[in-house]
Amino acid sequence: MALTGPDFWSPERGGVMPTGIGQRCFYCETSVTREPAVTWNGATGQIWLHPGCAADLSARLLADVVRWQRQSGRRFHESERRRP
């Protein structure tokens, strides 16, 4: 995960400064119109998020895991992760 925009990019990193402007937010589906934005690279591609949408998505993902743990009586363990 990375924050985009001039406040979170330094020239010594090289390359082109990443920007989320013009991208579609994965969570709310509206256009990202200002920086910073959050970008995430995963197995199926790249997603872009407004910072607030990243916080909302993170909270909901965590809530889903906690609910699953409570309902199933199981805990998530590192050994259950699928390895490449």
C-alpha atoms as a PDB file:
ATOM      1  CA  MET A   1       0.000   0.000   0.000  1.00  0.00           C
ATOM      2  CA  ALA A   2       1.230   3.494  -0.726  1.00  0.00           C
ATOM      3  CA  LEU A   3       0.049   7.060  -0.432  1.00  0.00           C
ATOM      4  CA  THR A   4       0.341   9.076  -3.611  1.00  0.00           C
ATOM      5  CA  GLY A   5       1.083  12.697  -4.339  1.00  0.00           C
ATOM      6  CA  PRO A   6       3.979  15.082  -3.799  1.00  0.00           C
ATOM      7  CA  ASP A   7       3.841  14.948   0.008  1.00  0.00           C
ATOM      8  CA  PHE A   8       4.514  11.198  -0.024  1.00  0.00           C
ATOM      9  CA  TRP A   9       6.973  10.854  -2.896  1.00  0.00           C
ATOM     10  CA  SER A  10      10.623  11.778  -2.950  1.00  0.00           C
ATOM     11  CA  PRO A  11      12.681  12.330  -6.116  1.00  0.00           C
ATOM     12  CA  GLU A  12      15.464  10.033  -4.877  1.00  0.00           C
ATOM     13  CA  ARG A  13      13.073   7.094  -5.285  1.00  0.00           C
ATOM     14  CA  GLY A  14      13.324   7.679  -9.020  1.00  0.00           C
ATOM     15  CA  GLY A  15      10.748   7.094 -11.683  1.00  0.00           C
ATOM     16  CA  VAL A  16       7.461   8.895 -12.038  1.00  0.00           C
ATOM     17  CA  MET A  17       5.502  10.202  -9.082  1.00  0.00           C
ATOM     18  CA  PRO A  18       2.383   8.033  -8.694  1.00  0.00           C
ATOM     19  CA  THR A  19      -0.932   9.851  -8.728  1.00  0.00           C
ATOM     20  CA  GLY A  20      -4.451   8.656  -8.148  1.00  0.00           C
ATOM     21  CA  ILE A  21      -6.077  11.620  -9.854  1.00  0.00           C
ATOM     22  CA  GLY A  22      -8.494  10.430 -12.491  1.00  0.00           C
ATOM     23  CA  GLN A  23      -8.595   6.882 -11.128  1.00  0.00           C
ATOM     24  CA  ARG A  24     -11.841   5.294  -9.945  1.00  0.00           C
ATOM     25  CA  CYS A  25     -12.070   4.546  -6.217  1.00  0.00           C
ATOM     26  CA  PHE A  26     -12.407   0.799  -5.613  1.00  0.00           C
ATOM     27  CA  TYR A  27     -14.696   1.372  -2.608  1.00  0.00           C
ATOM     28  CA  CYS A  28     -17.108   4.170  -3.572  1.00  0.00           C
ATOM     29  CA  GLU A  29     -16.592   4.072  -7.365  1.00  0.00           C
ATOM     30  CA  THR A  30     -16.248   7.843  -7.731  1.00  0.00           C
ATOM     31  CA  SER A  31     -13.260   9.528  -9.323  1.00  0.00           C
ATOM     32  CA  VAL A  32     -10.217  10.430  -7.260  1.00  0.00           C
ATOM     33  CA  THR A  33      -9.900  14.185  -7.759  1.00  0.00           C
ATOM     34  CA  ARG A  34      -7.148  15.190  -5.327  1.00  0.00           C
ATOM     35  CA  GLU A  35      -4.132  13.842  -3.506  1.00  0.00           C
ATOM     36  CA  PRO A  36      -3.306  11.997  -1.444  1.00  0.00           C
ATOM     37  CA  ALA A  37      -4.853   8.774  -2.634  1.00  0.00           C
ATOM     38  CA  VAL A  38      -4.118   5.222  -1.535  1.00  0.00           C
ATOM     39  CA  THR A  39      -2.987   2.619  -4.027  1.00  0.00           C
ATOM     40  CA  TRP A  40      -2.676  -1.117  -3.503  1.00  0.00           C
ATOM     41  CA  ASN A  41      -1.079  -3.651  -5.831  1.00  0.00           C
ATOM     42  CA  GLY A  42      -2.403  -7.170  -5.543  1.00  0.00           C
ATOM     43  CA  ALA A  43      -2.482 -10.449  -7.391  1.00  0.00           C
ATOM     44  CA  THR A  44      -5.237  -9.298  -9.751  1.00  0.00           C
ATOM     45  CA  GLY A  45      -4.140  -5.716 -10.330  1.00  0.00           C
ATOM     46  CA  GLN A  46      -4.045  -2.297  -8.758  1.00  0.00           C
ATOM     47  CA  ILE A  47      -6.779  -0.547  -6.814  1.00  0.00           C
ATOM     48  CA  TRP A  48      -7.118   3.120  -5.888  1.00  0.00           C
ATOM     49  CA  LEU A  49      -8.914   4.550  -2.869  1.00  0.00           C
ATOM     50  CA  HIS A  50      -9.704   7.904  -1.335  1.00  0.00           C
ATOM     51  CA  PRO A  51      -8.013   8.019   2.116  1.00  0.00           C
ATOM     52  CA  GLY A  52     -11.394   7.923   3.880  1.00  0.00           C
ATOM     53  CA  CYS A  53     -12.543   5.008   1.742  1.00  0.00           C
ATOM     54  CA  ALA A  54      -9.329   3.137   2.614  1.00  0.00           C
ATOM     55  CA  ALA A  55     -10.111   3.622   6.314  1.00  0.00           C
ATOM     56  CA  ASP A  56     -13.742   2.507   5.855  1.00  0.00           C
ATOM     57  CA  LEU A  57     -12.747  -0.564   3.831  1.00  0.00           C
ATOM     58  CA  SER A  58     -10.086  -1.523   6.385  1.00  0.00           C
ATOM     59  CA  ALA A  59     -12.548  -1.242   9.265  1.00  0.00           C
ATOM     60  CA  ARG A  60     -15.142  -3.326   7.441  1.00  0.00           C
ATOM     61  CA  LEU A  61     -12.621  -6.012   6.503  1.00  0.00           C
ATOM     62  CA  LEU A  62     -11.487  -6.278  10.112  1.00  0.00           C
ATOM     63  CA  ALA A  63     -15.106  -6.390  11.322  1.00  0.00           C
ATOM     64  CA  ASP A  64     -15.826  -9.236   8.869  1.00  0.00           C
ATOM     65  CA  VAL A  65     -12.881 -11.263  10.208  1.00  0.00           C
ATOM     66  CA  VAL A  66     -13.910 -10.671  13.836  1.00  0.00           C
ATOM     67  CA  ARG A  67     -17.510 -11.662  13.033  1.00  0.00           C
ATOM     68  CA  TRP A  68     -16.287 -14.819  11.262  1.00  0.00           C
ATOM     69  CA  GLN A  69     -14.114 -15.718  14.260  1.00  0.00           C
ATOM     70  CA  ARG A  70     -17.011 -15.255  16.686  1.00  0.00           C
ATOM     71  CA  GLN A  71     -19.515 -17.173  14.583  1.00  0.00           C
ATOM     72  CA  SER A  72     -17.216 -20.057  13.706  1.00  0.00           C
ATOM     73  CA  GLY A  73     -15.378 -20.308  17.001  1.00  0.00           C
ATOM     74  CA  ARG A  74     -12.164 -20.488  14.982  1.00  0.00           C
ATOM     75  CA  ARG A  75      -9.148 -18.229  14.771  1.00  0.00           C
ATOM     76  CA  PHE A  76      -7.213 -17.247  11.697  1.00  0.00           C
ATOM     77  CA  HIS A  77      -3.708 -18.698  11.753  1.00  0.00           C
ATOM     78  CA  GLU A  78      -0.742 -18.053   9.531  1.00  0.00           C
ATOM     79  CA  SER A  79      -0.644 -21.726   8.546  1.00  0.00           C
ATOM     80  CA  GLU A  80      -4.092 -21.404   6.925  1.00  0.00           C
ATOM     81  CA  ARG A  81      -2.835 -18.857   4.417  1.00  0.00           C
ATOM     82  CA  ARG A  82      -2.488 -20.024   0.875  1.00  0.00           C
ATOM     83  CA  ARG A  83       1.139 -19.955  -0.136  1.00  0.00           C
ATOM     84  CA  PRO A  84       2.287 -19.302  -3.715  1.00  0.00           C
END
